[in-house]
């Protein structure tokens, strides 16, 4: 359960696309990018 494989990531992305719809993805990616930057600090 510790490791997240590529399959899990793809599944999560698919679920996100289905939930939020295609047009919200750029905003979501921007949010994730900002979150990653904050996390790395």
PDB file of N, CA and C in Angstrom:
ATOM      1  N   UNK A   1       0.831  -1.213   0.000  1.00  0.00           N
ATOM      2  CA  UNK A   1       0.000   0.000   0.000  1.00  0.00           C
ATOM      3  C   UNK A   1       0.864   1.260   0.000  1.00  0.00           C
ATOM      4  N   UNK A   2       2.130   1.124   0.378  1.00  0.00           N
ATOM      5  CA  UNK A   2       3.005   2.288   0.467  1.00  0.00           C
ATOM      6  C   UNK A   2       3.324   2.919  -0.877  1.00  0.00           C
ATOM      7  N   UNK A   3       3.602   2.062  -1.859  1.00  0.00           N
ATOM      8  CA  UNK A   3       3.986   2.586  -3.174  1.00  0.00           C
ATOM      9  C   UNK A   3       2.756   2.836  -4.031  1.00  0.00           C
ATOM     10  N   UNK A   4       2.769   3.953  -4.749  1.00  0.00           N
ATOM     11  CA  UNK A   4       1.709   4.230  -5.719  1.00  0.00           C
ATOM     12  C   UNK A   4       2.278   3.964  -7.102  1.00  0.00           C
ATOM     13  N   UNK A   5       1.661   3.042  -7.809  1.00  0.00           N
ATOM     14  CA  UNK A   5       2.126   2.689  -9.143  1.00  0.00           C
ATOM     15  C   UNK A   5       1.508   3.585 -10.202  1.00  0.00           C
ATOM     16  N   UNK A   6       1.981   3.421 -11.417  1.00  0.00           N
ATOM     17  CA  UNK A   6       1.481   4.209 -12.544  1.00  0.00           C
ATOM     18  C   UNK A   6       0.000   3.939 -12.778  1.00  0.00           C
ATOM     19  N   UNK A   7      -0.416   2.691 -12.587  1.00  0.00           N
ATOM     20  CA  UNK A   7      -1.814   2.328 -12.792  1.00  0.00           C
ATOM     21  C   UNK A   7      -2.723   3.104 -11.854  1.00  0.00           C
ATOM     22  N   UNK A   8      -2.329   3.200 -10.593  1.00  0.00           N
ATOM     23  CA  UNK A   8      -3.128   3.936  -9.618  1.00  0.00           C
ATOM     24  C   UNK A   8      -3.245   5.400  -9.999  1.00  0.00           C
ATOM     25  N   UNK A   9      -2.125   5.992 -10.437  1.00  0.00           N
ATOM     26  CA  UNK A   9      -2.124   7.401 -10.834  1.00  0.00           C
ATOM     27  C   UNK A   9      -3.086   7.619 -11.998  1.00  0.00           C
ATOM     28  N   UNK A  10      -3.036   6.740 -12.987  1.00  0.00           N
ATOM     29  CA  UNK A  10      -3.924   6.852 -14.149  1.00  0.00           C
ATOM     30  C   UNK A  10      -5.379   6.714 -13.715  1.00  0.00           C
ATOM     31  N   UNK A  11      -5.655   5.767 -12.829  1.00  0.00           N
ATOM     32  CA  UNK A  11      -7.017   5.578 -12.329  1.00  0.00           C
ATOM     33  C   UNK A  11      -7.522   6.826 -11.620  1.00  0.00           C
ATOM     34  N   UNK A  12      -6.679   7.400 -10.772  1.00  0.00           N
ATOM     35  CA  UNK A  12      -7.046   8.617 -10.041  1.00  0.00           C
ATOM     36  C   UNK A  12      -7.331   9.751 -11.015  1.00  0.00           C
ATOM     37  N   UNK A  13      -6.464   9.911 -12.018  1.00  0.00           N
ATOM     38  CA  UNK A  13      -6.664  10.957 -13.022  1.00  0.00           C
ATOM     39  C   UNK A  13      -7.979  10.758 -13.764  1.00  0.00           C
ATOM     40  N   UNK A  14      -8.293   9.518 -14.115  1.00  0.00           N
ATOM     41  CA  UNK A  14      -9.552   9.224 -14.802  1.00  0.00           C
ATOM     42  C   UNK A  14     -10.746   9.619 -13.943  1.00  0.00           C
ATOM     43  N   UNK A  15     -10.689   9.271 -12.669  1.00  0.00           N
ATOM     44  CA  UNK A  15     -11.778   9.616 -11.747  1.00  0.00           C
ATOM     45  C   UNK A  15     -11.930  11.129 -11.650  1.00  0.00           C
ATOM     46  N   UNK A  16     -10.789  11.828 -11.548  1.00  0.00           N
ATOM     47  CA  UNK A  16     -10.809  13.290 -11.463  1.00  0.00           C
ATOM     48  C   UNK A  16     -11.444  13.891 -12.714  1.00  0.00           C
ATOM     49  N   UNK A  17     -11.061  13.372 -13.887  1.00  0.00           N
ATOM     50  CA  UNK A  17     -11.630  13.864 -15.145  1.00  0.00           C
ATOM     51  C   UNK A  17     -13.135  13.652 -15.161  1.00  0.00           C
ATOM     52  N   UNK A  18     -13.574  12.488 -14.724  1.00  0.00           N
ATOM     53  CA  UNK A  18     -15.003  12.183 -14.717  1.00  0.00           C
ATOM     54  C   UNK A  18     -15.755  13.084 -13.742  1.00  0.00           C
ATOM     55  N   UNK A  19     -15.151  13.348 -12.580  1.00  0.00           N
ATOM     56  CA  UNK A  19     -15.819  14.155 -11.561  1.00  0.00           C
ATOM     57  C   UNK A  19     -15.882  15.632 -11.948  1.00  0.00           C
ATOM     58  N   UNK A  20     -14.755  16.172 -12.394  1.00  0.00           N
ATOM     59  CA  UNK A  20     -14.671  17.611 -12.608  1.00  0.00           C
ATOM     60  C   UNK A  20     -14.946  18.023 -14.042  1.00  0.00           C
ATOM     61  N   UNK A  21     -14.868  17.093 -14.977  1.00  0.00           N
ATOM     62  CA  UNK A  21     -15.049  17.434 -16.379  1.00  0.00           C
ATOM     63  C   UNK A  21     -13.757  17.982 -16.967  1.00  0.00           C
ATOM     64  N   UNK A  22     -13.638  17.920 -18.285  1.00  0.00           N
ATOM     65  CA  UNK A  22     -12.396  18.264 -18.968  1.00  0.00           C
ATOM     66  C   UNK A  22     -11.962  19.705 -18.815  1.00  0.00           C
ATOM     67  N   UNK A  23     -12.920  20.631 -18.748  1.00  0.00           N
ATOM     68  CA  UNK A  23     -12.540  22.048 -18.802  1.00  0.00           C
ATOM     69  C   UNK A  23     -11.912  22.556 -17.514  1.00  0.00           C
ATOM     70  N   UNK A  24     -12.073  21.830 -16.424  1.00  0.00           N
ATOM     71  CA  UNK A  24     -11.494  22.282 -15.148  1.00  0.00           C
ATOM     72  C   UNK A  24     -10.078  21.776 -14.937  1.00  0.00           C
ATOM     73  N   UNK A  25      -9.614  20.890 -15.799  1.00  0.00           N
ATOM     74  CA  UNK A  25      -8.303  20.259 -15.599  1.00  0.00           C
ATOM     75  C   UNK A  25      -7.146  21.252 -15.579  1.00  0.00           C
ATOM     76  N   UNK A  26      -7.084  22.227 -16.505  1.00  0.00           N
ATOM     77  CA  UNK A  26      -5.973  23.196 -16.424  1.00  0.00           C
ATOM     78  C   UNK A  26      -5.900  23.900 -15.068  1.00  0.00           C
ATOM     79  N   UNK A  27      -7.048  24.307 -14.536  1.00  0.00           N
ATOM     80  CA  UNK A  27      -7.076  24.955 -13.215  1.00  0.00           C
ATOM     81  C   UNK A  27      -6.564  23.990 -12.148  1.00  0.00           C
ATOM     82  N   UNK A  28      -7.012  22.754 -12.242  1.00  0.00           N
ATOM     83  CA  UNK A  28      -6.627  21.731 -11.278  1.00  0.00           C
ATOM     84  C   UNK A  28      -5.123  21.499 -11.319  1.00  0.00           C
ATOM     85  N   UNK A  29      -4.568  21.403 -12.536  1.00  0.00           N
ATOM     86  CA  UNK A  29      -3.131  21.178 -12.694  1.00  0.00           C
ATOM     87  C   UNK A  29      -2.332  22.341 -12.123  1.00  0.00           C
ATOM     88  N   UNK A  30      -2.840  23.560 -12.332  1.00  0.00           N
ATOM     89  CA  UNK A  30      -2.191  24.750 -11.775  1.00  0.00           C
ATOM     90  C   UNK A  30      -2.175  24.648 -10.247  1.00  0.00           C
ATOM     91  N   UNK A  31      -3.292  24.265  -9.679  1.00  0.00           N
ATOM     92  CA  UNK A  31      -3.398  24.104  -8.234  1.00  0.00           C
ATOM     93  C   UNK A  31      -2.443  23.042  -7.716  1.00  0.00           C
ATOM     94  N   UNK A  32      -2.372  21.910  -8.422  1.00  0.00           N
ATOM     95  CA  UNK A  32      -1.468  20.830  -8.016  1.00  0.00           C
ATOM     96  C   UNK A  32      -0.024  21.300  -8.104  1.00  0.00           C
ATOM     97  N   UNK A  33       0.311  22.020  -9.178  1.00  0.00           N
ATOM     98  CA  UNK A  33       1.670  22.540  -9.356  1.00  0.00           C
ATOM     99  C   UNK A  33       2.064  23.469  -8.223  1.00  0.00           C
ATOM    100  N   UNK A  34       1.147  24.359  -7.857  1.00  0.00           N
ATOM    101  CA  UNK A  34       1.418  25.283  -6.754  1.00  0.00           C
ATOM    102  C   UNK A  34       1.563  24.512  -5.446  1.00  0.00           C
ATOM    103  N   UNK A  35       0.725  23.513  -5.247  1.00  0.00           N
ATOM    104  CA  UNK A  35       0.797  22.684  -4.048  1.00  0.00           C
ATOM    105  C   UNK A  35       2.134  21.966  -3.946  1.00  0.00           C
ATOM    106  N   UNK A  36       2.621  21.443  -5.078  1.00  0.00           N
ATOM    107  CA  UNK A  36       3.904  20.745  -5.091  1.00  0.00           C
ATOM    108  C   UNK A  36       5.040  21.698  -4.753  1.00  0.00           C
ATOM    109  N   UNK A  37       4.994  22.922  -5.298  1.00  0.00           N
ATOM    110  CA  UNK A  37       6.027  23.923  -4.998  1.00  0.00           C
ATOM    111  C   UNK A  37       6.052  24.224  -3.505  1.00  0.00           C
ATOM    112  N   UNK A  38       4.869  24.423  -2.929  1.00  0.00           N
ATOM    113  CA  UNK A  38       4.778  24.712  -1.494  1.00  0.00           C
ATOM    114  C   UNK A  38       5.301  23.532  -0.680  1.00  0.00           C
ATOM    115  N   UNK A  39       4.985  22.332  -1.123  1.00  0.00           N
ATOM    116  CA  UNK A  39       5.387  21.124  -0.404  1.00  0.00           C
ATOM    117  C   UNK A  39       6.900  20.951  -0.408  1.00  0.00           C
ATOM    118  N   UNK A  40       7.551  21.328  -1.510  1.00  0.00           N
ATOM    119  CA  UNK A  40       9.001  21.156  -1.633  1.00  0.00           C
ATOM    120  C   UNK A  40       9.787  22.158  -0.796  1.00  0.00           C
ATOM    121  N   UNK A  41       9.160  23.274  -0.431  1.00  0.00           N
ATOM    122  CA  UNK A  41       9.856  24.296   0.356  1.00  0.00           C
ATOM    123  C   UNK A  41      10.166  23.796   1.761  1.00  0.00           C
TER     124      UNK A  41
END
